[in-house]
Amino acid sequence: MSSLQEETYRIIGKNIRKYRLASNISQEKLSEIMNVNLKFIGHVERVERFISLKKLIEVAQYFNVPVVEFFK
């Protein structure tokens, strides 16, 4: 994986965490809402696993923000 790809996933994970904490939702609860493994969101936030575009869109819809906000 290139450093640009890794940096992109780091930014996505950071922003998922930002919106999750702002909504006062645990990693496990968001994983449950997204219908993924209970530890998945934690792995994504720590860049140990990579979220698909489909799941990222679902996260954006859940938080009611444009998906582009997760890349900033």
N, C-alpha and C. Protein backbone atom coordinates (compact mmCIF):
# COMPACT_ATOMS: atom_id res chain seq x y z
N MET A 1 0.85 -1.17 0.00
CA MET A 1 0.00 0.00 0.00
C MET A 1 0.89 1.24 0.00
N SER A 2 0.53 2.19 -0.83
CA SER A 2 1.32 3.42 -0.90
C SER A 2 1.06 4.31 0.31
N SER A 3 1.96 5.23 0.55
CA SER A 3 1.78 6.14 1.69
C SER A 3 0.55 7.04 1.47
N LEU A 4 0.24 7.37 0.23
CA LEU A 4 -0.96 8.17 -0.06
C LEU A 4 -2.22 7.40 0.30
N GLN A 5 -2.26 6.12 -0.04
CA GLN A 5 -3.42 5.29 0.32
C GLN A 5 -3.55 5.18 1.83
N GLU A 6 -2.45 4.92 2.49
CA GLU A 6 -2.48 4.80 3.95
C GLU A 6 -2.93 6.10 4.60
N GLU A 7 -2.46 7.22 4.11
CA GLU A 7 -2.86 8.52 4.65
C GLU A 7 -4.35 8.75 4.42
N THR A 8 -4.87 8.35 3.28
CA THR A 8 -6.30 8.51 3.00
C THR A 8 -7.13 7.70 3.98
N TYR A 9 -6.74 6.45 4.21
CA TYR A 9 -7.47 5.62 5.18
C TYR A 9 -7.33 6.16 6.60
N ARG A 10 -6.18 6.76 6.93
CA ARG A 10 -6.00 7.36 8.25
C ARG A 10 -6.96 8.53 8.44
N ILE A 11 -7.11 9.35 7.41
CA ILE A 11 -8.03 10.49 7.46
C ILE A 11 -9.47 10.01 7.59
N ILE A 12 -9.83 8.99 6.82
CA ILE A 12 -11.19 8.44 6.91
C ILE A 12 -11.45 7.93 8.32
N GLY A 13 -10.52 7.16 8.87
CA GLY A 13 -10.69 6.63 10.23
C GLY A 13 -10.82 7.73 11.26
N LYS A 14 -10.00 8.78 11.12
CA LYS A 14 -10.05 9.91 12.05
C LYS A 14 -11.41 10.59 12.00
N ASN A 15 -11.95 10.74 10.79
CA ASN A 15 -13.24 11.41 10.65
C ASN A 15 -14.41 10.55 11.09
N ILE A 16 -14.32 9.25 10.88
CA ILE A 16 -15.37 8.37 11.42
C ILE A 16 -15.39 8.53 12.93
N ARG A 17 -14.22 8.51 13.54
CA ARG A 17 -14.13 8.68 15.00
C ARG A 17 -14.71 10.03 15.43
N LYS A 18 -14.38 11.08 14.70
CA LYS A 18 -14.86 12.42 15.04
C LYS A 18 -16.39 12.46 15.05
N TYR A 19 -17.01 11.97 13.98
CA TYR A 19 -18.47 11.99 13.91
C TYR A 19 -19.10 11.03 14.92
N ARG A 20 -18.46 9.91 15.16
CA ARG A 20 -18.98 8.94 16.13
C ARG A 20 -18.97 9.52 17.54
N LEU A 21 -17.85 10.14 17.92
CA LEU A 21 -17.76 10.73 19.25
C LEU A 21 -18.70 11.92 19.40
N ALA A 22 -18.84 12.71 18.34
CA ALA A 22 -19.76 13.85 18.39
C ALA A 22 -21.21 13.40 18.59
N SER A 23 -21.50 12.18 18.13
CA SER A 23 -22.85 11.62 18.29
C SER A 23 -22.96 10.74 19.53
N ASN A 24 -21.86 10.64 20.28
CA ASN A 24 -21.84 9.86 21.52
C ASN A 24 -22.24 8.40 21.29
N ILE A 25 -21.63 7.79 20.26
CA ILE A 25 -21.92 6.40 19.91
C ILE A 25 -20.63 5.60 20.06
N SER A 26 -20.72 4.43 20.67
CA SER A 26 -19.55 3.57 20.83
C SER A 26 -19.18 2.92 19.49
N GLN A 27 -17.95 2.44 19.42
CA GLN A 27 -17.51 1.72 18.23
C GLN A 27 -18.39 0.50 18.01
N GLU A 28 -18.69 -0.20 19.08
CA GLU A 28 -19.52 -1.40 18.98
C GLU A 28 -20.93 -1.07 18.49
N LYS A 29 -21.50 0.01 19.00
CA LYS A 29 -22.86 0.39 18.59
C LYS A 29 -22.89 0.77 17.10
N LEU A 30 -21.88 1.53 16.65
CA LEU A 30 -21.84 1.89 15.23
C LEU A 30 -21.64 0.64 14.37
N SER A 31 -20.80 -0.28 14.83
CA SER A 31 -20.62 -1.53 14.10
C SER A 31 -21.94 -2.29 13.99
N GLU A 32 -22.68 -2.31 15.07
CA GLU A 32 -23.99 -2.98 15.07
C GLU A 32 -24.95 -2.30 14.10
N ILE A 33 -24.98 -0.99 14.12
CA ILE A 33 -25.85 -0.21 13.22
C ILE A 33 -25.47 -0.49 11.76
N MET A 34 -24.16 -0.61 11.49
CA MET A 34 -23.67 -0.81 10.13
C MET A 34 -23.71 -2.29 9.71
N ASN A 35 -24.11 -3.15 10.65
CA ASN A 35 -24.21 -4.58 10.39
C ASN A 35 -22.86 -5.19 9.97
N VAL A 36 -21.83 -4.85 10.76
CA VAL A 36 -20.49 -5.39 10.54
C VAL A 36 -20.00 -5.98 11.87
N ASN A 37 -18.88 -6.68 11.84
CA ASN A 37 -18.28 -7.24 13.04
C ASN A 37 -18.15 -6.17 14.12
N LEU A 38 -18.41 -6.54 15.38
CA LEU A 38 -18.43 -5.57 16.47
C LEU A 38 -17.13 -4.79 16.64
N LYS A 39 -16.02 -5.32 16.17
CA LYS A 39 -14.74 -4.63 16.31
C LYS A 39 -14.33 -3.89 15.03
N PHE A 40 -15.15 -3.96 14.01
CA PHE A 40 -14.78 -3.40 12.71
C PHE A 40 -14.50 -1.91 12.76
N ILE A 41 -15.37 -1.13 13.37
CA ILE A 41 -15.19 0.33 13.40
C ILE A 41 -13.88 0.68 14.11
N GLY A 42 -13.57 0.01 15.20
CA GLY A 42 -12.30 0.24 15.89
C GLY A 42 -11.12 -0.05 14.99
N HIS A 43 -11.21 -1.14 14.23
CA HIS A 43 -10.14 -1.48 13.30
C HIS A 43 -9.99 -0.42 12.22
N VAL A 44 -11.10 0.08 11.72
CA VAL A 44 -11.07 1.12 10.68
C VAL A 44 -10.47 2.41 11.25
N GLU A 45 -10.87 2.78 12.45
CA GLU A 45 -10.35 4.01 13.06
C GLU A 45 -8.84 3.92 13.30
N ARG A 46 -8.33 2.72 13.55
CA ARG A 46 -6.89 2.53 13.78
C ARG A 46 -6.14 2.12 12.51
N VAL A 47 -6.82 2.12 11.38
CA VAL A 47 -6.26 1.76 10.07
C VAL A 47 -5.69 0.33 10.09
N GLU A 48 -6.37 -0.55 10.78
CA GLU A 48 -6.00 -1.96 10.79
C GLU A 48 -6.81 -2.74 9.75
N ARG A 49 -7.93 -2.17 9.36
CA ARG A 49 -8.77 -2.71 8.29
C ARG A 49 -9.25 -1.53 7.46
N PHE A 50 -9.75 -1.83 6.28
CA PHE A 50 -10.15 -0.77 5.35
C PHE A 50 -11.64 -0.86 5.07
N ILE A 51 -12.29 0.27 5.14
CA ILE A 51 -13.72 0.33 4.91
C ILE A 51 -13.99 0.43 3.41
N SER A 52 -15.03 -0.25 2.97
CA SER A 52 -15.41 -0.16 1.56
C SER A 52 -16.14 1.15 1.31
N LEU A 53 -16.19 1.55 0.06
CA LEU A 53 -16.92 2.76 -0.29
C LEU A 53 -18.40 2.60 0.06
N LYS A 54 -18.95 1.43 -0.17
CA LYS A 54 -20.36 1.18 0.16
C LYS A 54 -20.62 1.41 1.65
N LYS A 55 -19.77 0.87 2.51
CA LYS A 55 -19.95 1.05 3.96
C LYS A 55 -19.67 2.49 4.37
N LEU A 56 -18.72 3.14 3.72
CA LEU A 56 -18.44 4.54 4.05
C LEU A 56 -19.64 5.41 3.70
N ILE A 57 -20.29 5.12 2.60
CA ILE A 57 -21.51 5.86 2.23
C ILE A 57 -22.59 5.63 3.28
N GLU A 58 -22.72 4.40 3.76
CA GLU A 58 -23.70 4.11 4.81
C GLU A 58 -23.40 4.89 6.08
N VAL A 59 -22.11 4.97 6.45
CA VAL A 59 -21.71 5.75 7.63
C VAL A 59 -22.07 7.22 7.43
N ALA A 60 -21.76 7.76 6.26
CA ALA A 60 -22.07 9.16 5.96
C ALA A 60 -23.58 9.40 6.04
N GLN A 61 -24.36 8.50 5.50
CA GLN A 61 -25.81 8.64 5.56
C GLN A 61 -26.30 8.58 7.00
N TYR A 62 -25.73 7.68 7.80
CA TYR A 62 -26.14 7.58 9.19
C TYR A 62 -25.89 8.89 9.93
N PHE A 63 -24.72 9.51 9.69
CA PHE A 63 -24.39 10.77 10.36
C PHE A 63 -24.96 11.98 9.62
N ASN A 64 -25.62 11.73 8.49
CA ASN A 64 -26.26 12.79 7.72
C ASN A 64 -25.27 13.86 7.27
N VAL A 65 -24.12 13.40 6.76
CA VAL A 65 -23.10 14.31 6.22
C VAL A 65 -22.68 13.80 4.84
N PRO A 66 -22.24 14.68 3.97
CA PRO A 66 -21.76 14.22 2.66
C PRO A 66 -20.53 13.33 2.82
N VAL A 67 -20.43 12.30 2.02
CA VAL A 67 -19.32 11.34 2.13
C VAL A 67 -17.97 12.04 1.95
N VAL A 68 -17.94 13.11 1.19
CA VAL A 68 -16.68 13.84 0.97
C VAL A 68 -16.10 14.36 2.28
N GLU A 69 -16.91 14.57 3.30
CA GLU A 69 -16.42 15.08 4.59
C GLU A 69 -15.47 14.09 5.26
N PHE A 70 -15.53 12.84 4.89
CA PHE A 70 -14.66 11.84 5.50
C PHE A 70 -13.26 11.83 4.87
N PHE A 71 -13.08 12.60 3.80
CA PHE A 71 -11.78 12.66 3.13
C PHE A 71 -11.01 13.94 3.46
N LYS A 72 -11.55 14.78 4.30
CA LYS A 72 -10.93 16.07 4.62
C LYS A 72 -10.11 16.00 5.90
